[in-house]
Amino acid sequence: MGFRPLHDRVVVRRVDSEEKTTGGIIIPDTVQEKPSEGVIVSVGPGARDDSGKVVALDVKAGDRVLFGKWSGTEIKIDNDELLIMKESDIMGIIEA
């Protein structure tokens, strides 16, 4: 991919949600909600503090994260649907 986010922005690829409930009922695509879970594809260098020093981000490429339902801006690069959001829109890193 030929895209690098700036400052404290990250590029996230959504992770597909389950198509079945725990009881085994299949959920059709028309009523499925967009997943609020994704994998970090790329990160910017970091935000600048008051003194101008660059503060590195807490997330890195490959981290699985949880973010808000309406977070980020949807973009399409090379037929790949991605989200660009600020690091502050990320609620946390999901650890295995």
Protein backbone atom coordinates (compact mmCIF):
# COMPACT_ATOMS: atom_id res chain seq x y z
CA MET A 1 0.00 0.00 0.00
CA GLY A 2 1.36 3.41 -0.91
CA PHE A 3 -0.17 5.45 1.91
CA ARG A 4 1.40 6.73 5.14
CA PRO A 5 -0.72 8.62 7.69
CA LEU A 6 0.54 11.87 9.19
CA HIS A 7 0.94 12.94 12.81
CA ASP A 8 -1.17 10.91 15.28
CA ARG A 9 -3.36 9.22 12.69
CA VAL A 10 -3.60 5.48 12.08
CA VAL A 11 -4.95 3.34 9.23
CA VAL A 12 -7.21 0.49 10.37
CA ARG A 13 -8.68 -2.49 8.51
CA ARG A 14 -11.98 -3.64 10.01
CA VAL A 15 -12.18 -7.24 11.18
CA ASP A 16 -15.28 -9.07 9.92
CA SER A 17 -17.88 -9.70 12.60
CA GLU A 18 -19.53 -13.03 13.29
CA GLU A 19 -22.32 -13.94 10.88
CA LYS A 20 -24.02 -16.18 13.48
CA THR A 21 -25.35 -15.58 16.95
CA THR A 22 -24.25 -17.82 19.81
CA GLY A 23 -27.53 -19.72 19.36
CA GLY A 24 -26.66 -20.49 15.73
CA ILE A 25 -28.96 -17.99 14.00
CA ILE A 26 -27.42 -16.60 10.81
CA ILE A 27 -27.49 -12.80 10.61
CA PRO A 28 -28.08 -11.46 7.06
CA ASP A 29 -25.69 -8.80 5.70
CA THR A 30 -28.45 -6.18 5.55
CA VAL A 31 -28.88 -6.06 9.35
CA GLN A 32 -25.30 -6.64 10.47
CA GLU A 33 -23.64 -3.71 12.18
CA LYS A 34 -20.22 -2.56 11.10
CA PRO A 35 -17.60 -4.09 13.36
CA SER A 36 -15.89 -1.80 15.84
CA GLU A 37 -12.81 -3.98 15.90
CA GLY A 38 -9.86 -3.80 13.52
CA VAL A 39 -6.19 -4.35 12.84
CA ILE A 40 -3.74 -1.44 12.55
CA VAL A 41 -2.26 -1.33 9.05
CA SER A 42 -0.08 1.77 9.35
CA VAL A 43 0.68 4.50 11.90
CA GLY A 44 1.94 8.06 11.65
CA PRO A 45 5.13 9.26 13.37
CA GLY A 46 3.26 10.79 16.33
CA ALA A 47 1.82 14.04 17.61
CA ARG A 48 3.85 17.05 18.72
CA ASP A 49 3.70 18.24 22.33
CA ASP A 50 3.78 21.88 23.47
CA SER A 51 7.56 22.09 23.13
CA GLY A 52 7.49 20.71 19.56
CA LYS A 53 8.88 17.29 20.43
CA VAL A 54 7.31 14.32 18.59
CA VAL A 55 5.53 11.92 20.96
CA ALA A 56 5.37 8.38 19.53
CA LEU A 57 2.05 6.54 19.35
CA ASP A 58 1.10 3.70 21.72
CA VAL A 59 -0.21 1.49 18.88
CA LYS A 60 1.80 -0.17 16.13
CA ALA A 61 1.06 -1.98 12.87
CA GLY A 62 -0.46 -5.39 13.53
CA ASP A 63 -2.21 -4.45 16.82
CA ARG A 64 -5.85 -5.55 17.10
CA VAL A 65 -7.85 -2.60 18.44
CA LEU A 66 -11.34 -1.59 19.52
CA PHE A 67 -12.73 1.76 18.36
CA GLY A 68 -15.98 3.73 18.46
CA LYS A 69 -18.86 2.87 16.14
CA TRP A 70 -18.66 6.17 14.23
CA SER A 71 -14.89 6.69 14.49
CA GLY A 72 -12.67 7.48 11.55
CA THR A 73 -13.09 8.29 7.89
CA GLU A 74 -13.70 5.47 5.43
CA ILE A 75 -11.37 5.35 2.43
CA LYS A 76 -10.70 2.88 -0.36
CA ILE A 77 -7.13 2.20 -1.51
CA ASP A 78 -6.40 -0.51 -4.08
CA ASN A 79 -9.94 -1.98 -3.61
CA ASP A 80 -9.24 -2.29 0.12
CA GLU A 81 -11.72 -0.58 2.48
CA LEU A 82 -9.86 1.10 5.34
CA LEU A 83 -10.42 3.65 8.08
CA ILE A 84 -8.24 6.62 8.97
CA MET A 85 -8.61 7.85 12.53
CA LYS A 86 -6.71 9.62 15.26
CA GLU A 87 -5.10 7.50 17.95
CA SER A 88 -7.42 9.11 20.50
CA ASP A 89 -10.42 7.46 18.73
CA ILE A 90 -9.03 4.04 19.66
CA MET A 91 -10.46 2.71 22.95
CA GLY A 92 -7.88 0.02 23.51
CA ILE A 93 -5.67 -2.80 22.23
CA ILE A 94 -7.10 -6.32 22.32
CA GLU A 95 -4.47 -8.69 23.71
CA ALA A 96 -4.57 -12.39 22.88
